[in-house]
C-alpha cells in the first residue's frame, strides 16, 4: 500500500488529505484549522488562509491572518494543536527590529521555512527553538551583481538543510538559487542558456 499525503486549502480551512493508494483509493481528511478558530499567540481568530500549506510527514505549516489583521506562520502535527511560529511583530533574534511581513512556508522535519520583508528581507527557518537566517538582503548574489533585494514568497523548497528560492538582486537580476549550510549558489538566471540550445 502506498500512502500519499497532500494539502488542500480552501478559504475556510486547512485540511490534510491522506490517500491510501490502492485500486480503489480511499481518502481520509483531517482538519488542521478553520476560520473562527483561536489563533495562538497573535490572538483573535483565524480569518484568512494564504498560499499552499506545506507538509512533511505529519507536520503541517501554513500562513494565515487573524481577524485583527495580523499575519503569521503556524504549524501543527496532524491531530495535534496548532502552534504559532512567527508573525510580523516577532523580534529578529539579536536585533532591535521585527521580521515585518511574513509569508510563504516550507517544512522539512521540525524546520519551518518562511520569508520576511519590510523591516527584514530574508529567508529564515525556525527549528523549534531558534530562528536561523539562511539568506538576507545583505548577502552577495553569487555570479551576479550586488546583494539580494527581495525574495519571492513562493515557491520555497526546503529539503534537509538545503533551501531553493527565487530572488531579485540590487542589480535587478532575477534568479533561482540554493542555500546549503551558508553557501549560496546560482541555479539559473536570465543569462543562463537553456539546455538543448
Protein backbone atom coordinates (compact mmCIF):
# COMPACT_ATOMS: atom_id res chain seq x y z
CA UNK A 1 0.00 0.00 0.00
CA UNK A 2 1.30 3.46 -0.91
CA UNK A 3 0.48 6.34 1.40
CA UNK A 4 0.35 9.79 -0.18
CA UNK A 5 -0.12 12.95 1.84
CA UNK A 6 -1.20 16.17 0.18
CA UNK A 7 -2.54 19.51 1.30
CA UNK A 8 -5.84 21.05 0.43
CA UNK A 9 -6.53 24.67 1.26
CA UNK A 10 -9.94 26.20 1.00
CA UNK A 11 -10.97 29.70 2.03
CA UNK A 12 -12.42 28.42 5.27
CA UNK A 13 -9.96 25.75 6.48
CA UNK A 14 -6.63 23.97 6.11
CA UNK A 15 -7.21 20.26 5.60
CA UNK A 16 -4.79 17.35 5.17
CA UNK A 17 -5.81 14.67 2.69
CA UNK A 18 -4.36 11.23 3.36
CA UNK A 19 -4.76 8.98 0.34
CA UNK A 20 -4.27 5.24 0.55
CA UNK A 21 -3.01 4.22 -2.88
CA UNK A 22 -4.99 1.14 -3.79
CA UNK A 23 -7.10 0.15 -6.76
CA UNK A 24 -9.99 1.99 -5.14
CA UNK A 25 -8.37 4.97 -3.42
CA UNK A 26 -9.77 5.93 -0.06
CA UNK A 27 -9.45 9.42 1.31
CA UNK A 28 -9.22 10.48 4.92
CA UNK A 29 -9.38 14.20 5.63
CA UNK A 30 -8.05 15.76 8.82
CA UNK A 31 -8.89 19.36 9.55
CA UNK A 32 -5.95 21.37 10.88
CA UNK A 33 -7.50 24.83 11.32
CA UNK A 34 -10.60 26.68 10.19
CA UNK A 35 -11.96 30.21 10.07
CA UNK A 36 -13.09 31.19 13.56
CA UNK A 37 -10.57 29.01 15.43
CA UNK A 38 -8.46 30.82 18.04
CA UNK A 39 -5.15 31.98 16.52
CA UNK A 40 -2.41 31.07 19.05
CA UNK A 41 -0.13 33.85 20.39
CA UNK A 42 -1.40 36.57 18.00
CA UNK A 43 -4.91 36.45 19.49
CA UNK A 44 -8.23 36.79 17.77
CA UNK A 45 -9.45 34.11 15.41
CA UNK A 46 -8.26 32.82 12.04
CA UNK A 47 -9.82 34.85 9.24
CA UNK A 48 -7.91 34.07 6.02
CA UNK A 49 -5.53 31.32 4.91
CA UNK A 50 -2.87 32.11 2.27
CA UNK A 51 -1.00 30.13 -0.34
CA UNK A 52 -0.48 26.41 -0.30
CA UNK A 53 0.23 24.84 3.09
CA UNK A 54 3.38 22.73 3.37
CA UNK A 55 3.55 19.19 4.73
CA UNK A 56 6.37 16.81 5.62
CA UNK A 57 5.40 13.56 7.31
CA UNK A 58 2.84 14.51 9.95
CA UNK A 59 3.93 18.17 10.25
CA UNK A 60 1.93 20.90 8.53
CA UNK A 61 2.87 24.59 8.18
CA UNK A 62 0.67 27.36 6.81
CA UNK A 63 0.28 31.12 6.56
CA UNK A 64 -2.85 32.79 7.93
CA UNK A 65 -4.23 36.17 9.02
CA UNK A 66 -6.44 36.64 12.05
CA UNK A 67 -9.48 38.89 12.35
CA UNK A 68 -7.20 41.59 13.86
CA UNK A 69 -5.17 41.76 10.58
CA UNK A 70 -2.05 40.04 11.95
CA UNK A 71 -0.46 37.59 9.52
CA UNK A 72 1.68 34.74 10.80
CA UNK A 73 3.10 31.32 10.12
CA UNK A 74 1.60 28.43 12.09
CA UNK A 75 2.33 24.73 12.39
CA UNK A 76 0.75 21.56 13.71
CA UNK A 77 1.38 17.85 13.88
CA UNK A 78 -1.61 16.13 12.26
CA UNK A 79 -4.10 15.50 15.05
CA UNK A 80 -2.34 17.94 17.43
CA UNK A 81 -2.86 21.59 18.36
CA UNK A 82 -1.95 24.50 16.08
CA UNK A 83 1.16 26.38 17.26
CA UNK A 84 2.47 29.85 16.41
CA UNK A 85 5.85 30.04 14.62
CA UNK A 86 6.33 33.70 13.71
CA UNK A 87 4.40 36.86 12.84
CA UNK A 88 5.27 40.40 11.77
CA UNK A 89 5.71 41.58 15.36
CA UNK A 90 8.21 38.84 16.28
CA UNK A 91 11.62 40.34 17.07
CA UNK A 92 14.53 39.15 14.93
CA UNK A 93 16.99 37.48 17.36
CA UNK A 94 19.91 39.77 18.20
CA UNK A 95 18.30 42.78 16.52
CA UNK A 96 16.15 45.72 17.58
CA UNK A 97 13.57 45.22 14.81
CA UNK A 98 10.88 42.72 13.87
CA UNK A 99 10.52 40.33 10.95
CA UNK A 100 7.95 42.67 9.38
CA UNK A 101 5.68 40.96 6.88
CA UNK A 102 5.96 37.14 6.88
CA UNK A 103 4.77 34.85 4.13
CA UNK A 104 5.47 31.65 2.26
CA UNK A 105 6.32 28.45 4.04
CA UNK A 106 8.02 25.13 3.55
CA UNK A 107 8.72 22.39 6.06
CA UNK A 108 11.33 19.67 6.48
CA UNK A 109 11.11 17.65 9.68
CA UNK A 110 10.79 20.16 12.52
CA UNK A 111 12.26 23.02 10.45
CA UNK A 112 9.74 25.64 9.30
CA UNK A 113 10.98 27.90 6.48
CA UNK A 114 9.50 31.35 5.76
CA UNK A 115 10.21 34.68 4.07
CA UNK A 116 10.07 38.10 5.68
CA UNK A 117 10.01 41.54 4.09
CA UNK A 118 9.82 45.18 5.05
CA UNK A 119 11.93 45.63 8.16
CA UNK A 120 13.92 42.46 7.48
CA UNK A 121 14.13 40.99 3.96
CA UNK A 122 15.27 37.42 4.47
CA UNK A 123 14.58 33.73 4.26
CA UNK A 124 14.80 32.14 7.68
CA UNK A 125 13.82 28.93 9.36
CA UNK A 126 12.63 28.04 12.81
CA UNK A 127 13.98 24.75 14.19
CA UNK A 128 11.58 24.51 17.12
CA UNK A 129 13.56 26.79 19.42
CA UNK A 130 15.69 29.22 17.37
CA UNK A 131 15.28 31.40 14.29
CA UNK A 132 18.14 30.89 11.84
CA UNK A 133 18.64 33.27 8.87
CA UNK A 134 19.54 31.42 5.67
CA UNK A 135 19.71 34.30 3.19
CA UNK A 136 19.34 38.05 3.86
CA UNK A 137 19.20 41.21 1.80
CA UNK A 138 22.84 41.89 2.71
CA UNK A 139 24.15 38.65 1.15
CA UNK A 140 26.11 38.93 -2.09
CA UNK A 141 24.47 37.47 -5.19
CA UNK A 142 26.64 34.56 -6.44
CA UNK A 143 27.76 35.00 -10.06
CA UNK A 144 25.85 38.30 -10.14
CA UNK A 145 25.97 41.95 -9.17
CA UNK A 146 25.31 43.47 -5.77
CA UNK A 147 23.23 41.97 -2.99
CA UNK A 148 19.78 40.42 -2.80
CA UNK A 149 16.91 42.91 -2.55
CA UNK A 150 13.73 40.78 -2.45
CA UNK A 151 12.74 37.16 -2.05
CA UNK A 152 9.71 35.51 -3.65
CA UNK A 153 7.40 34.04 -1.02
CA UNK A 154 6.52 31.09 -3.25
CA UNK A 155 7.87 28.70 -4.21
CA UNK A 156 10.20 27.99 -1.34
CA UNK A 157 11.51 24.47 -1.01
CA UNK A 158 13.36 23.01 1.95
CA UNK A 159 14.99 19.57 1.91
CA UNK A 160 17.09 18.85 4.97
CA UNK A 161 19.36 21.89 5.23
CA UNK A 162 19.09 22.95 1.57
CA UNK A 163 16.62 25.61 0.50
CA UNK A 164 15.76 26.55 -3.08
CA UNK A 165 14.39 30.05 -3.64
CA UNK A 166 13.74 32.83 -6.16
CA UNK A 167 15.21 36.27 -5.53
CA UNK A 168 15.78 39.69 -7.09
CA UNK A 169 19.10 41.48 -6.63
CA UNK A 170 20.04 45.15 -6.33
CA UNK A 171 21.45 44.76 -9.86
CA UNK A 172 17.94 43.75 -11.00
CA UNK A 173 18.93 40.15 -11.71
CA UNK A 174 16.11 37.71 -11.07
CA UNK A 175 17.28 34.16 -10.43
CA UNK A 176 16.81 30.80 -8.79
CA UNK A 177 19.30 29.96 -6.04
CA UNK A 178 20.05 27.37 -3.39
CA UNK A 179 21.46 27.85 0.08
CA UNK A 180 23.12 24.94 1.87
CA UNK A 181 24.98 25.38 5.16
CA UNK A 182 25.58 29.07 4.44
CA UNK A 183 26.77 28.56 0.85
CA UNK A 184 24.55 30.34 -1.69
CA UNK A 185 24.70 29.02 -5.28
CA UNK A 186 23.13 30.17 -8.52
CA UNK A 187 20.91 27.62 -10.28
CA UNK A 188 19.71 29.82 -13.15
CA UNK A 189 19.12 33.47 -14.04
CA UNK A 190 18.31 35.45 -17.19
CA UNK A 191 21.84 34.89 -18.53
CA UNK A 192 21.69 31.09 -18.17
CA UNK A 193 21.44 29.31 -21.50
CA UNK A 194 18.54 26.91 -21.77
CA UNK A 195 19.52 23.24 -22.06
CA UNK A 196 19.49 22.00 -25.65
CA UNK A 197 20.13 25.45 -27.12
